[in-house]
Amino acid sequence: MLDNLPNDPWLVNHDPNIPPRMSRDRPPFPDGRPPHFRATVHGIAFADRDRHLETMEAGDSLYLIPDPPDQKTPEVWVHRPGGDLLGHLPTEISVWLAPWLSKGGGASAKALKIHGSEVPSWRRLLLEVSCSL
């Protein structure tokens, strides 16, 4: 009897004056900044963070977490999915990316290249970052 009803309950009780799905408006993206870029991770040599590189592979997804908005010079921190801290993006990127992320912007990151202790610590992890516009 009810086979003609749509599977999505939203369609059954749909008010045409309400948008079909909740959406979050992103803040304006900073002018002159690239929405897709590559960046190294800094601070990986501290607190034995570089040990996490041994179990990482190119293509691994990572989280970008901004400092709270009240920081004088906010950083964007790079975490593994389990929460392990790897380091932070360079300051020249964090100064514009952190405020945008804190206001509701979104970005994803993937590991591109992973090196061991044979290279300087600031070059051990290269990321590809994509901002959601």
N, C-alpha and C. Protein backbone atom coordinates (compact mmCIF):
# COMPACT_ATOMS: atom_id res chain seq x y z
N MET A 1 0.80 -1.20 0.00
CA MET A 1 0.00 0.00 0.00
C MET A 1 0.85 1.27 0.00
N LEU A 2 1.94 1.23 0.72
CA LEU A 2 2.77 2.42 0.84
C LEU A 2 3.93 2.43 -0.12
N ASP A 3 3.92 1.57 -1.09
CA ASP A 3 5.05 1.47 -2.02
C ASP A 3 5.25 2.72 -2.86
N ASN A 4 4.25 3.55 -2.98
CA ASN A 4 4.40 4.73 -3.82
C ASN A 4 4.99 5.93 -3.06
N LEU A 5 5.27 5.77 -1.77
CA LEU A 5 5.88 6.85 -1.01
C LEU A 5 7.37 6.89 -1.27
N PRO A 6 7.95 8.08 -1.34
CA PRO A 6 9.40 8.18 -1.54
C PRO A 6 10.15 7.62 -0.33
N ASN A 7 11.35 7.14 -0.57
CA ASN A 7 12.18 6.60 0.51
C ASN A 7 12.68 7.69 1.45
N ASP A 8 12.79 8.89 0.96
CA ASP A 8 13.32 9.98 1.76
C ASP A 8 12.16 10.64 2.51
N PRO A 9 12.13 10.56 3.88
CA PRO A 9 11.03 11.15 4.63
C PRO A 9 10.92 12.65 4.43
N TRP A 10 12.00 13.29 4.05
CA TRP A 10 11.96 14.74 3.79
C TRP A 10 10.96 15.06 2.69
N LEU A 11 10.87 14.21 1.70
CA LEU A 11 9.99 14.48 0.57
C LEU A 11 8.52 14.32 0.94
N VAL A 12 8.22 13.56 1.96
CA VAL A 12 6.83 13.34 2.37
C VAL A 12 6.27 14.59 3.03
N ASN A 13 7.03 15.19 3.94
CA ASN A 13 6.56 16.35 4.69
C ASN A 13 7.28 17.61 4.25
N HIS A 14 7.44 17.76 2.99
CA HIS A 14 8.24 18.87 2.46
C HIS A 14 7.44 20.16 2.41
N ASP A 15 7.96 21.20 3.02
CA ASP A 15 7.41 22.55 2.94
C ASP A 15 8.17 23.26 1.82
N PRO A 16 7.52 23.69 0.77
CA PRO A 16 8.23 24.31 -0.36
C PRO A 16 8.95 25.61 0.01
N ASN A 17 8.63 26.18 1.17
CA ASN A 17 9.29 27.42 1.59
C ASN A 17 10.59 27.18 2.35
N ILE A 18 10.90 25.91 2.61
CA ILE A 18 12.12 25.57 3.33
C ILE A 18 13.08 24.91 2.34
N PRO A 19 14.35 25.32 2.35
CA PRO A 19 15.32 24.69 1.44
C PRO A 19 15.36 23.18 1.68
N PRO A 20 15.64 22.38 0.64
CA PRO A 20 15.59 20.93 0.76
C PRO A 20 16.58 20.35 1.77
N ARG A 21 17.68 20.96 2.00
CA ARG A 21 18.67 20.46 2.97
C ARG A 21 19.30 21.64 3.68
N MET A 22 19.72 21.38 4.90
CA MET A 22 20.47 22.43 5.59
C MET A 22 21.81 22.59 4.89
N SER A 23 22.20 23.79 4.66
CA SER A 23 23.50 24.02 4.06
C SER A 23 24.22 25.08 4.89
N ARG A 24 25.50 24.99 4.89
CA ARG A 24 26.30 25.94 5.64
C ARG A 24 27.01 26.81 4.62
N ASP A 25 26.77 28.09 4.71
CA ASP A 25 27.47 29.02 3.83
C ASP A 25 28.89 29.17 4.31
N ARG A 26 29.81 29.05 3.39
CA ARG A 26 31.22 29.22 3.70
C ARG A 26 31.52 30.73 3.74
N PRO A 27 32.48 31.12 4.58
CA PRO A 27 32.88 32.52 4.55
C PRO A 27 33.59 32.83 3.24
N PRO A 28 33.67 34.09 2.86
CA PRO A 28 34.38 34.43 1.62
C PRO A 28 35.83 33.96 1.71
N PHE A 29 36.29 33.38 0.62
CA PHE A 29 37.66 32.89 0.59
C PHE A 29 38.61 34.09 0.45
N PRO A 30 39.73 34.08 1.16
CA PRO A 30 40.66 35.23 1.10
C PRO A 30 41.13 35.52 -0.33
N ASP A 31 41.02 36.79 -0.70
CA ASP A 31 41.44 37.23 -2.04
C ASP A 31 42.91 36.94 -2.29
N GLY A 32 43.20 36.50 -3.49
CA GLY A 32 44.57 36.29 -3.91
C GLY A 32 45.23 35.05 -3.34
N ARG A 33 44.48 34.22 -2.65
CA ARG A 33 45.05 33.00 -2.06
C ARG A 33 44.62 31.79 -2.88
N PRO A 34 45.48 30.79 -3.00
CA PRO A 34 45.14 29.63 -3.82
C PRO A 34 44.21 28.66 -3.07
N PRO A 35 43.16 28.18 -3.71
CA PRO A 35 42.28 27.21 -3.04
C PRO A 35 42.88 25.80 -2.99
N HIS A 36 43.88 25.55 -3.83
CA HIS A 36 44.58 24.26 -3.83
C HIS A 36 46.07 24.56 -3.84
N PHE A 37 46.81 23.92 -2.93
CA PHE A 37 48.24 24.19 -2.86
C PHE A 37 48.95 23.03 -2.17
N ARG A 38 50.25 23.06 -2.25
CA ARG A 38 51.11 22.10 -1.56
C ARG A 38 51.85 22.84 -0.45
N ALA A 39 52.07 22.13 0.65
CA ALA A 39 52.78 22.75 1.77
C ALA A 39 53.53 21.69 2.56
N THR A 40 54.63 22.11 3.16
CA THR A 40 55.36 21.22 4.06
C THR A 40 54.79 21.37 5.47
N VAL A 41 55.06 20.38 6.29
CA VAL A 41 54.62 20.40 7.69
C VAL A 41 55.82 20.75 8.55
N HIS A 42 55.69 21.78 9.36
CA HIS A 42 56.77 22.23 10.23
C HIS A 42 56.52 21.73 11.65
N GLY A 43 57.60 21.62 12.43
CA GLY A 43 57.49 21.21 13.82
C GLY A 43 57.42 19.71 14.03
N ILE A 44 57.64 18.96 12.97
CA ILE A 44 57.51 17.50 13.05
C ILE A 44 58.64 16.85 13.86
N ALA A 45 59.75 17.57 14.04
CA ALA A 45 60.89 17.00 14.76
C ALA A 45 60.72 17.08 16.28
N PHE A 46 59.73 17.83 16.75
CA PHE A 46 59.55 18.00 18.18
C PHE A 46 58.64 16.93 18.77
N ALA A 47 58.86 16.63 20.04
CA ALA A 47 58.02 15.70 20.81
C ALA A 47 57.89 14.34 20.13
N ASP A 48 58.92 13.94 19.39
CA ASP A 48 58.94 12.63 18.74
C ASP A 48 57.77 12.44 17.76
N ARG A 49 57.28 13.55 17.19
CA ARG A 49 56.16 13.47 16.24
C ARG A 49 56.54 12.74 14.97
N ASP A 50 57.82 12.79 14.60
CA ASP A 50 58.23 12.16 13.34
C ASP A 50 58.09 10.64 13.36
N ARG A 51 57.88 10.04 14.53
CA ARG A 51 57.68 8.59 14.60
C ARG A 51 56.42 8.17 13.84
N HIS A 52 55.46 9.07 13.72
CA HIS A 52 54.21 8.77 13.01
C HIS A 52 54.43 8.61 11.51
N LEU A 53 55.50 9.17 10.99
CA LEU A 53 55.76 9.09 9.56
C LEU A 53 56.04 7.65 9.12
N GLU A 54 56.55 6.84 10.03
CA GLU A 54 56.90 5.46 9.70
C GLU A 54 55.70 4.62 9.28
N THR A 55 54.53 4.98 9.76
CA THR A 55 53.32 4.21 9.43
C THR A 55 52.42 4.92 8.42
N MET A 56 52.88 6.03 7.88
CA MET A 56 52.08 6.78 6.91
C MET A 56 52.47 6.41 5.49
N GLU A 57 51.52 6.62 4.58
CA GLU A 57 51.75 6.40 3.15
C GLU A 57 51.25 7.60 2.37
N ALA A 58 51.81 7.81 1.20
CA ALA A 58 51.31 8.86 0.31
C ALA A 58 49.83 8.57 0.04
N GLY A 59 49.03 9.62 0.08
CA GLY A 59 47.59 9.48 -0.13
C GLY A 59 46.79 9.46 1.16
N ASP A 60 47.45 9.29 2.31
CA ASP A 60 46.74 9.29 3.59
C ASP A 60 46.08 10.65 3.81
N SER A 61 44.84 10.62 4.27
CA SER A 61 44.12 11.84 4.61
C SER A 61 44.55 12.35 5.97
N LEU A 62 44.59 13.66 6.11
CA LEU A 62 44.98 14.30 7.36
C LEU A 62 44.00 15.43 7.67
N TYR A 63 43.93 15.79 8.95
CA TYR A 63 43.04 16.86 9.39
C TYR A 63 43.83 18.15 9.57
N LEU A 64 43.20 19.26 9.21
CA LEU A 64 43.76 20.59 9.43
C LEU A 64 42.90 21.28 10.47
N ILE A 65 43.51 21.60 11.63
CA ILE A 65 42.78 22.18 12.75
C ILE A 65 43.38 23.54 13.08
N PRO A 66 42.57 24.61 13.00
CA PRO A 66 43.11 25.94 13.32
C PRO A 66 43.19 26.17 14.83
N ASP A 67 44.11 27.05 15.22
CA ASP A 67 44.14 27.53 16.60
C ASP A 67 42.84 28.25 16.90
N PRO A 68 42.51 28.42 18.19
CA PRO A 68 41.34 29.25 18.53
C PRO A 68 41.51 30.65 17.96
N PRO A 69 40.41 31.32 17.62
CA PRO A 69 40.49 32.63 16.95
C PRO A 69 41.15 33.73 17.77
N ASP A 70 41.33 33.55 19.07
CA ASP A 70 41.90 34.62 19.88
C ASP A 70 43.43 34.63 19.88
N GLN A 71 44.06 33.75 19.12
CA GLN A 71 45.52 33.70 19.05
C GLN A 71 46.06 34.87 18.23
N LYS A 72 47.15 35.45 18.70
CA LYS A 72 47.74 36.59 17.98
C LYS A 72 48.22 36.16 16.60
N THR A 73 48.95 35.07 16.53
CA THR A 73 49.40 34.52 15.25
C THR A 73 48.91 33.07 15.21
N PRO A 74 47.72 32.84 14.67
CA PRO A 74 47.16 31.49 14.69
C PRO A 74 47.91 30.54 13.76
N GLU A 75 47.97 29.30 14.17
CA GLU A 75 48.58 28.24 13.37
C GLU A 75 47.48 27.30 12.87
N VAL A 76 47.80 26.54 11.84
CA VAL A 76 46.93 25.46 11.39
C VAL A 76 47.69 24.17 11.66
N TRP A 77 47.15 23.35 12.54
CA TRP A 77 47.81 22.13 12.98
C TRP A 77 47.39 20.95 12.13
N VAL A 78 48.32 20.05 11.88
CA VAL A 78 48.10 18.87 11.03
C VAL A 78 48.04 17.64 11.95
N HIS A 79 46.91 16.93 11.86
CA HIS A 79 46.69 15.74 12.69
C HIS A 79 46.38 14.53 11.82
N ARG A 80 46.77 13.38 12.31
CA ARG A 80 46.35 12.12 11.68
C ARG A 80 44.90 11.85 12.09
N PRO A 81 44.19 10.99 11.35
CA PRO A 81 42.79 10.70 11.69
C PRO A 81 42.59 10.22 13.13
N GLY A 82 43.55 9.53 13.71
CA GLY A 82 43.42 9.09 15.10
C GLY A 82 43.67 10.19 16.11
N GLY A 83 44.07 11.38 15.66
CA GLY A 83 44.30 12.51 16.53
C GLY A 83 45.76 12.85 16.76
N ASP A 84 46.68 11.98 16.33
CA ASP A 84 48.11 12.24 16.55
C ASP A 84 48.53 13.54 15.86
N LEU A 85 49.20 14.40 16.61
CA LEU A 85 49.70 15.66 16.07
C LEU A 85 50.99 15.43 15.30
N LEU A 86 51.03 15.97 14.08
CA LEU A 86 52.24 15.87 13.26
C LEU A 86 53.05 17.16 13.27
N GLY A 87 52.38 18.28 13.25
CA GLY A 87 53.06 19.58 13.20
C GLY A 87 52.07 20.63 12.72
N HIS A 88 52.58 21.67 12.08
CA HIS A 88 51.73 22.77 11.63
C HIS A 88 52.15 23.23 10.24
N LEU A 89 51.24 23.91 9.57
CA LEU A 89 51.55 24.50 8.27
C LEU A 89 52.47 25.70 8.48
N PRO A 90 53.21 26.09 7.45
CA PRO A 90 54.06 27.28 7.57
C PRO A 90 53.23 28.52 7.96
N THR A 91 53.84 29.39 8.72
CA THR A 91 53.16 30.59 9.22
C THR A 91 52.58 31.44 8.09
N GLU A 92 53.30 31.55 6.98
CA GLU A 92 52.79 32.39 5.88
C GLU A 92 51.49 31.86 5.28
N ILE A 93 51.19 30.59 5.50
CA ILE A 93 49.91 30.01 5.08
C ILE A 93 48.90 30.13 6.22
N SER A 94 49.34 29.80 7.43
CA SER A 94 48.43 29.81 8.59
C SER A 94 47.82 31.18 8.85
N VAL A 95 48.55 32.27 8.58
CA VAL A 95 48.01 33.60 8.89
C VAL A 95 46.74 33.92 8.12
N TRP A 96 46.54 33.32 6.94
CA TRP A 96 45.29 33.56 6.21
C TRP A 96 44.35 32.36 6.27
N LEU A 97 44.90 31.14 6.36
CA LEU A 97 44.05 29.94 6.36
C LEU A 97 43.35 29.73 7.71
N ALA A 98 44.06 29.95 8.82
CA ALA A 98 43.47 29.72 10.14
C ALA A 98 42.23 30.58 10.39
N PRO A 99 42.25 31.89 10.12
CA PRO A 99 41.03 32.68 10.34
C PRO A 99 39.87 32.22 9.45
N TRP A 100 40.18 31.84 8.22
CA TRP A 100 39.12 31.38 7.32
C TRP A 100 38.52 30.07 7.82
N LEU A 101 39.35 29.14 8.26
CA LEU A 101 38.85 27.88 8.82
C LEU A 101 38.03 28.13 10.08
N SER A 102 38.48 29.04 10.94
CA SER A 102 37.78 29.34 12.19
C SER A 102 36.41 29.94 11.96
N LYS A 103 36.23 30.60 10.82
CA LYS A 103 34.94 31.22 10.50
C LYS A 103 34.00 30.26 9.77
N GLY A 104 34.44 29.01 9.59
CA GLY A 104 33.56 28.03 8.95
C GLY A 104 34.06 27.51 7.63
N GLY A 105 35.23 27.95 7.17
CA GLY A 105 35.80 27.42 5.95
C GLY A 105 36.20 25.96 6.14
N GLY A 106 36.36 25.25 5.06
CA GLY A 106 36.73 23.84 5.15
C GLY A 106 37.88 23.52 4.22
N ALA A 107 38.73 22.63 4.66
CA ALA A 107 39.88 22.22 3.86
C ALA A 107 40.21 20.77 4.16
N SER A 108 40.70 20.08 3.16
CA SER A 108 41.16 18.71 3.34
C SER A 108 42.64 18.65 2.96
N ALA A 109 43.32 17.66 3.51
CA ALA A 109 44.75 17.51 3.23
C ALA A 109 45.07 16.04 3.03
N LYS A 110 46.01 15.81 2.11
CA LYS A 110 46.52 14.45 1.87
C LYS A 110 48.03 14.49 1.83
N ALA A 111 48.63 13.43 2.35
CA ALA A 111 50.08 13.32 2.29
C ALA A 111 50.50 13.03 0.85
N LEU A 112 51.46 13.79 0.35
CA LEU A 112 51.98 13.56 -1.01
C LEU A 112 53.31 12.82 -0.97
N LYS A 113 54.23 13.35 -0.16
CA LYS A 113 55.56 12.74 -0.04
C LYS A 113 55.92 12.64 1.42
N ILE A 114 56.52 11.51 1.78
CA ILE A 114 56.93 11.26 3.15
C ILE A 114 58.39 10.82 3.12
N HIS A 115 59.22 11.51 3.89
CA HIS A 115 60.64 11.20 3.95
C HIS A 115 61.04 10.89 5.38
N GLY A 116 62.17 10.26 5.52
CA GLY A 116 62.71 9.93 6.84
C GLY A 116 63.72 10.96 7.31
N SER A 117 64.52 10.56 8.27
CA SER A 117 65.48 11.47 8.90
C SER A 117 66.64 11.88 7.98
N GLU A 118 66.69 11.32 6.77
CA GLU A 118 67.75 11.69 5.83
C GLU A 118 67.55 13.09 5.24
N VAL A 119 66.36 13.68 5.44
CA VAL A 119 66.09 15.03 4.94
C VAL A 119 65.78 15.95 6.13
N PRO A 120 65.95 17.27 5.97
CA PRO A 120 65.62 18.19 7.07
C PRO A 120 64.17 18.00 7.53
N SER A 121 63.92 18.21 8.81
CA SER A 121 62.60 17.92 9.38
C SER A 121 61.47 18.67 8.68
N TRP A 122 61.70 19.90 8.26
CA TRP A 122 60.64 20.67 7.63
C TRP A 122 60.31 20.20 6.21
N ARG A 123 61.09 19.23 5.68
CA ARG A 123 60.81 18.69 4.35
C ARG A 123 60.35 17.23 4.40
N ARG A 124 60.11 16.69 5.58
CA ARG A 124 59.78 15.27 5.70
C ARG A 124 58.36 14.93 5.28
N LEU A 125 57.47 15.89 5.35
CA LEU A 125 56.08 15.61 4.98
C LEU A 125 55.56 16.74 4.09
N LEU A 126 55.18 16.38 2.87
CA LEU A 126 54.60 17.33 1.93
C LEU A 126 53.13 16.99 1.76
N LEU A 127 52.28 18.00 1.90
CA LEU A 127 50.83 17.84 1.81
C LEU A 127 50.27 18.50 0.56
N GLU A 128 49.15 18.00 0.15
CA GLU A 128 48.31 18.69 -0.84
C GLU A 128 47.07 19.12 -0.11
N VAL A 129 46.77 20.42 -0.14
CA VAL A 129 45.63 20.98 0.59
C VAL A 129 44.61 21.47 -0.42
N SER A 130 43.35 21.14 -0.18
CA SER A 130 42.24 21.59 -1.03
C SER A 130 41.21 22.28 -0.15
N CYS A 131 40.96 23.54 -0.44
CA CYS A 131 39.95 24.30 0.32
C CYS A 131 38.60 24.17 -0.36
N SER A 132 37.57 23.98 0.43
CA SER A 132 36.20 23.86 -0.08
C SER A 132 35.61 25.25 -0.24
N LEU A 133 35.33 25.61 -1.47
CA LEU A 133 34.79 26.97 -1.73
C LEU A 133 33.29 26.97 -1.84
